[in-house]
Amino acid sequence: MVKVLYNGDKNPCRIKILNMTIEQWKRGEVKEISDFHWAHLKHNIDFSLVGKQKEDPVKKIKKEVVLEPKTESNAFDLDRDGDVDADDYSLAAKTLGHARKQKK
């Protein structure tokens, strides 16, 4: 956002900038408009730039990560060695493949 000062002859004036219309802009009055609209208005000698306002950066809200407690489950420990690993997945895939062959 930028602050723009009107120093024109008409008091008050009505300005149309692209899709925005500013009603009742009096001589010596400062209004805030976007940088995009200022780019189209800066070629007019009746308007001058007073200052640029910094926009607040987007504040990110940090959420606390809550870890769920791990539950000991041996339901997928197919080879009963105490941990779920690649051997268990391999055994499950072989069993599923065999079941599909039996179904056909």
N, C-alpha and C. Protein backbone atom coordinates (compact mmCIF):
# COMPACT_ATOMS: atom_id res chain seq x y z
N MET A 1 0.85 -1.17 0.00
CA MET A 1 0.00 0.00 0.00
C MET A 1 0.89 1.24 0.00
N VAL A 2 0.46 2.22 -0.75
CA VAL A 2 1.18 3.49 -0.81
C VAL A 2 0.22 4.62 -0.43
N LYS A 3 0.78 5.69 0.11
CA LYS A 3 -0.01 6.87 0.45
C LYS A 3 0.17 7.90 -0.66
N VAL A 4 -0.96 8.38 -1.18
CA VAL A 4 -0.93 9.29 -2.32
C VAL A 4 -1.63 10.60 -1.93
N LEU A 5 -1.02 11.71 -2.32
CA LEU A 5 -1.54 13.04 -2.04
C LEU A 5 -2.13 13.63 -3.32
N TYR A 6 -3.33 14.23 -3.22
CA TYR A 6 -3.98 14.87 -4.38
C TYR A 6 -3.75 16.37 -4.31
N ASN A 7 -3.17 16.93 -5.37
CA ASN A 7 -2.91 18.37 -5.44
C ASN A 7 -3.55 18.98 -6.68
N GLY A 8 -4.66 18.44 -7.13
CA GLY A 8 -5.29 18.89 -8.36
C GLY A 8 -6.16 20.12 -8.18
N ASP A 9 -6.80 20.56 -9.29
CA ASP A 9 -7.63 21.76 -9.30
C ASP A 9 -9.03 21.51 -8.79
N LYS A 10 -9.61 20.37 -9.10
CA LYS A 10 -10.98 20.10 -8.68
C LYS A 10 -11.02 19.77 -7.20
N ASN A 11 -11.99 20.32 -6.52
CA ASN A 11 -12.11 20.06 -5.09
C ASN A 11 -13.57 19.84 -4.76
N PRO A 12 -14.05 18.72 -4.39
CA PRO A 12 -13.44 17.39 -4.41
C PRO A 12 -13.53 16.76 -5.79
N CYS A 13 -12.73 15.74 -6.01
CA CYS A 13 -12.71 15.08 -7.31
C CYS A 13 -13.13 13.62 -7.17
N ARG A 14 -13.45 13.03 -8.30
CA ARG A 14 -13.82 11.62 -8.36
C ARG A 14 -12.86 10.98 -9.34
N ILE A 15 -12.10 9.99 -8.88
CA ILE A 15 -11.07 9.35 -9.70
C ILE A 15 -11.44 7.89 -9.94
N LYS A 16 -11.31 7.47 -11.20
CA LYS A 16 -11.52 6.06 -11.55
C LYS A 16 -10.19 5.52 -12.05
N ILE A 17 -9.68 4.51 -11.33
CA ILE A 17 -8.43 3.86 -11.69
C ILE A 17 -8.74 2.39 -11.96
N LEU A 18 -8.71 1.99 -13.20
CA LEU A 18 -9.04 0.62 -13.61
C LEU A 18 -10.38 0.19 -13.03
N ASN A 19 -10.39 -0.68 -12.06
CA ASN A 19 -11.65 -1.18 -11.51
C ASN A 19 -12.02 -0.51 -10.19
N MET A 20 -11.27 0.48 -9.75
CA MET A 20 -11.51 1.13 -8.47
C MET A 20 -11.92 2.59 -8.69
N THR A 21 -12.90 3.02 -7.93
CA THR A 21 -13.34 4.42 -7.99
C THR A 21 -13.19 5.04 -6.61
N ILE A 22 -12.56 6.22 -6.58
CA ILE A 22 -12.38 6.95 -5.32
C ILE A 22 -13.26 8.19 -5.38
N GLU A 23 -14.21 8.25 -4.47
CA GLU A 23 -15.16 9.37 -4.41
C GLU A 23 -14.65 10.43 -3.41
N GLN A 24 -14.95 11.67 -3.69
CA GLN A 24 -14.73 12.78 -2.76
C GLN A 24 -13.28 12.90 -2.28
N TRP A 25 -12.34 12.94 -3.21
CA TRP A 25 -10.93 13.12 -2.84
C TRP A 25 -10.64 14.61 -2.88
N LYS A 26 -10.40 15.21 -1.72
CA LYS A 26 -10.22 16.66 -1.62
C LYS A 26 -8.76 17.03 -1.81
N ARG A 27 -8.53 18.28 -2.17
CA ARG A 27 -7.17 18.78 -2.37
C ARG A 27 -6.40 18.73 -1.05
N GLY A 28 -5.19 18.16 -1.09
CA GLY A 28 -4.35 18.05 0.10
C GLY A 28 -4.65 16.82 0.93
N GLU A 29 -5.60 16.01 0.53
CA GLU A 29 -5.96 14.81 1.29
C GLU A 29 -5.09 13.63 0.84
N VAL A 30 -4.72 12.82 1.82
CA VAL A 30 -3.88 11.64 1.56
C VAL A 30 -4.74 10.39 1.68
N LYS A 31 -4.64 9.52 0.68
CA LYS A 31 -5.37 8.25 0.70
C LYS A 31 -4.40 7.12 0.44
N GLU A 32 -4.75 5.93 0.94
CA GLU A 32 -3.92 4.75 0.71
C GLU A 32 -4.51 3.94 -0.42
N ILE A 33 -3.67 3.62 -1.41
CA ILE A 33 -4.09 2.77 -2.52
C ILE A 33 -3.01 1.71 -2.73
N SER A 34 -3.32 0.71 -3.51
CA SER A 34 -2.37 -0.38 -3.73
C SER A 34 -1.27 0.04 -4.71
N ASP A 35 -0.18 -0.70 -4.70
CA ASP A 35 0.93 -0.42 -5.61
C ASP A 35 0.48 -0.56 -7.06
N PHE A 36 -0.40 -1.50 -7.32
CA PHE A 36 -0.90 -1.74 -8.67
C PHE A 36 -1.65 -0.52 -9.21
N HIS A 37 -2.51 0.06 -8.37
CA HIS A 37 -3.26 1.24 -8.79
C HIS A 37 -2.34 2.47 -8.89
N TRP A 38 -1.34 2.56 -8.03
CA TRP A 38 -0.41 3.68 -8.08
C TRP A 38 0.39 3.67 -9.38
N ALA A 39 0.69 2.48 -9.92
CA ALA A 39 1.44 2.38 -11.16
C ALA A 39 0.69 3.06 -12.31
N HIS A 40 -0.63 3.02 -12.30
CA HIS A 40 -1.42 3.67 -13.34
C HIS A 40 -1.67 5.15 -13.05
N LEU A 41 -1.59 5.55 -11.82
CA LEU A 41 -1.90 6.92 -11.42
C LEU A 41 -0.67 7.83 -11.39
N LYS A 42 0.53 7.27 -11.33
CA LYS A 42 1.73 8.08 -11.12
C LYS A 42 2.08 8.96 -12.32
N HIS A 43 1.51 8.70 -13.47
CA HIS A 43 1.80 9.52 -14.65
C HIS A 43 1.01 10.83 -14.64
N ASN A 44 0.04 10.96 -13.76
CA ASN A 44 -0.76 12.17 -13.64
C ASN A 44 -0.06 13.14 -12.69
N ILE A 45 0.09 14.39 -13.11
CA ILE A 45 0.85 15.36 -12.30
C ILE A 45 0.08 15.84 -11.07
N ASP A 46 -1.24 15.58 -11.01
CA ASP A 46 -2.04 16.02 -9.87
C ASP A 46 -1.84 15.15 -8.62
N PHE A 47 -1.15 14.04 -8.77
CA PHE A 47 -0.97 13.10 -7.66
C PHE A 47 0.51 12.92 -7.37
N SER A 48 0.83 12.84 -6.09
CA SER A 48 2.23 12.61 -5.71
C SER A 48 2.29 11.57 -4.59
N LEU A 49 3.37 10.87 -4.56
CA LEU A 49 3.58 9.79 -3.58
C LEU A 49 4.06 10.39 -2.27
N VAL A 50 3.39 10.07 -1.18
CA VAL A 50 3.76 10.59 0.14
C VAL A 50 4.63 9.58 0.87
N GLY A 51 4.23 8.34 0.87
CA GLY A 51 5.00 7.33 1.58
C GLY A 51 4.51 5.94 1.24
N LYS A 52 5.34 4.99 1.57
CA LYS A 52 4.99 3.60 1.32
C LYS A 52 4.88 2.90 2.65
N GLN A 53 3.79 2.18 2.82
CA GLN A 53 3.54 1.47 4.07
C GLN A 53 3.94 0.02 3.90
N LYS A 54 4.73 -0.48 4.82
CA LYS A 54 5.13 -1.88 4.77
C LYS A 54 3.95 -2.74 5.20
N GLU A 55 3.73 -3.80 4.43
CA GLU A 55 2.67 -4.73 4.80
C GLU A 55 3.22 -5.69 5.84
N ASP A 56 2.38 -6.07 6.77
CA ASP A 56 2.80 -7.01 7.79
C ASP A 56 3.04 -8.37 7.17
N PRO A 57 4.14 -9.00 7.50
CA PRO A 57 4.37 -10.34 6.97
C PRO A 57 3.34 -11.30 7.56
N VAL A 58 3.06 -12.31 6.81
CA VAL A 58 2.09 -13.31 7.27
C VAL A 58 2.70 -14.06 8.45
N LYS A 59 1.97 -14.05 9.54
CA LYS A 59 2.47 -14.73 10.73
C LYS A 59 2.02 -16.19 10.68
N LYS A 60 2.98 -17.05 10.79
CA LYS A 60 2.67 -18.47 10.78
C LYS A 60 2.44 -18.93 12.21
N ILE A 61 1.36 -19.60 12.39
CA ILE A 61 1.05 -20.12 13.71
C ILE A 61 1.70 -21.49 13.83
N LYS A 62 2.55 -21.61 14.82
CA LYS A 62 3.22 -22.88 15.02
C LYS A 62 2.38 -23.74 15.95
N LYS A 63 2.05 -24.90 15.48
CA LYS A 63 1.29 -25.82 16.29
C LYS A 63 2.24 -26.82 16.92
N GLU A 64 1.96 -27.14 18.14
CA GLU A 64 2.80 -28.10 18.83
C GLU A 64 2.49 -29.48 18.28
N VAL A 65 3.53 -30.20 17.94
CA VAL A 65 3.37 -31.53 17.40
C VAL A 65 3.12 -32.50 18.54
N VAL A 66 2.02 -33.19 18.44
CA VAL A 66 1.67 -34.16 19.47
C VAL A 66 1.91 -35.55 18.88
N LEU A 67 2.85 -36.23 19.46
CA LEU A 67 3.15 -37.58 19.00
C LEU A 67 2.27 -38.58 19.72
N GLU A 68 1.64 -39.44 18.94
CA GLU A 68 0.83 -40.47 19.55
C GLU A 68 1.73 -41.56 20.10
N PRO A 69 1.41 -42.06 21.24
CA PRO A 69 2.25 -43.11 21.79
C PRO A 69 2.18 -44.37 20.91
N LYS A 70 3.32 -44.94 20.71
CA LYS A 70 3.38 -46.14 19.89
C LYS A 70 2.79 -47.31 20.66
N THR A 71 1.99 -48.05 19.97
CA THR A 71 1.42 -49.24 20.60
C THR A 71 2.13 -50.46 20.06
N GLU A 72 2.48 -51.31 20.93
CA GLU A 72 3.14 -52.55 20.53
C GLU A 72 2.10 -53.47 19.92
N SER A 73 2.27 -53.76 18.66
CA SER A 73 1.31 -54.64 18.00
C SER A 73 2.09 -55.66 17.18
N ASN A 74 1.86 -56.87 17.49
CA ASN A 74 2.49 -57.95 16.74
C ASN A 74 1.52 -58.58 15.76
N ALA A 75 0.45 -57.86 15.43
CA ALA A 75 -0.55 -58.41 14.53
C ALA A 75 0.02 -58.63 13.13
N PHE A 76 1.00 -57.81 12.72
CA PHE A 76 1.58 -57.95 11.39
C PHE A 76 2.93 -58.65 11.42
N ASP A 77 3.30 -59.17 12.53
CA ASP A 77 4.55 -59.91 12.63
C ASP A 77 4.27 -61.35 12.20
N LEU A 78 4.30 -61.56 10.89
CA LEU A 78 3.89 -62.85 10.34
C LEU A 78 4.92 -63.96 10.56
N ASP A 79 6.19 -63.61 10.62
CA ASP A 79 7.20 -64.66 10.83
C ASP A 79 7.61 -64.79 12.30
N ARG A 80 6.94 -64.04 13.17
CA ARG A 80 7.09 -64.10 14.62
C ARG A 80 8.55 -63.97 15.11
N ASP A 81 9.23 -63.00 14.50
CA ASP A 81 10.60 -62.75 14.95
C ASP A 81 10.69 -61.55 15.87
N GLY A 82 9.57 -60.90 16.18
CA GLY A 82 9.57 -59.81 17.14
C GLY A 82 9.49 -58.42 16.54
N ASP A 83 9.65 -58.27 15.22
CA ASP A 83 9.53 -56.95 14.60
C ASP A 83 8.88 -57.09 13.22
N VAL A 84 8.27 -56.00 12.78
CA VAL A 84 7.64 -55.99 11.47
C VAL A 84 8.67 -55.44 10.49
N ASP A 85 9.09 -56.26 9.53
CA ASP A 85 10.13 -55.86 8.60
C ASP A 85 9.78 -56.32 7.19
N ALA A 86 10.74 -56.26 6.30
CA ALA A 86 10.51 -56.60 4.89
C ALA A 86 10.11 -58.07 4.72
N ASP A 87 10.60 -58.91 5.59
CA ASP A 87 10.23 -60.34 5.49
C ASP A 87 8.73 -60.53 5.72
N ASP A 88 8.16 -59.76 6.64
CA ASP A 88 6.73 -59.85 6.90
C ASP A 88 5.91 -59.38 5.70
N TYR A 89 6.35 -58.28 5.06
CA TYR A 89 5.64 -57.80 3.88
C TYR A 89 5.77 -58.79 2.73
N SER A 90 6.93 -59.38 2.59
CA SER A 90 7.13 -60.37 1.54
C SER A 90 6.22 -61.57 1.75
N LEU A 91 6.13 -62.04 2.97
CA LEU A 91 5.27 -63.18 3.30
C LEU A 91 3.80 -62.84 3.06
N ALA A 92 3.39 -61.61 3.38
CA ALA A 92 2.01 -61.18 3.14
C ALA A 92 1.73 -61.12 1.64
N ALA A 93 2.67 -60.62 0.84
CA ALA A 93 2.47 -60.54 -0.60
C ALA A 93 2.37 -61.92 -1.22
N LYS A 94 3.20 -62.84 -0.75
CA LYS A 94 3.14 -64.21 -1.28
C LYS A 94 1.81 -64.86 -0.93
N THR A 95 1.33 -64.63 0.27
CA THR A 95 0.05 -65.20 0.69
C THR A 95 -1.09 -64.62 -0.14
N LEU A 96 -1.06 -63.33 -0.38
CA LEU A 96 -2.09 -62.68 -1.19
C LEU A 96 -2.06 -63.18 -2.62
N GLY A 97 -0.86 -63.35 -3.18
CA GLY A 97 -0.73 -63.88 -4.54
C GLY A 97 -1.26 -65.30 -4.64
N HIS A 98 -0.97 -66.09 -3.65
CA HIS A 98 -1.45 -67.47 -3.65
C HIS A 98 -2.97 -67.50 -3.54
N ALA A 99 -3.53 -66.62 -2.73
CA ALA A 99 -4.99 -66.57 -2.57
C ALA A 99 -5.66 -66.14 -3.87
N ARG A 100 -5.05 -65.22 -4.61
CA ARG A 100 -5.62 -64.80 -5.89
C ARG A 100 -5.60 -65.94 -6.91
N LYS A 101 -4.53 -66.73 -6.90
CA LYS A 101 -4.46 -67.88 -7.82
C LYS A 101 -5.54 -68.91 -7.47
N GLN A 102 -5.79 -69.11 -6.19
CA GLN A 102 -6.80 -70.08 -5.75
C GLN A 102 -8.21 -69.59 -6.13
N LYS A 103 -8.40 -68.29 -6.16
CA LYS A 103 -9.71 -67.73 -6.46
C LYS A 103 -10.10 -67.95 -7.91
N LYS A 104 -9.11 -67.91 -8.82
CA LYS A 104 -9.37 -68.07 -10.25
C LYS A 104 -9.61 -69.49 -10.55
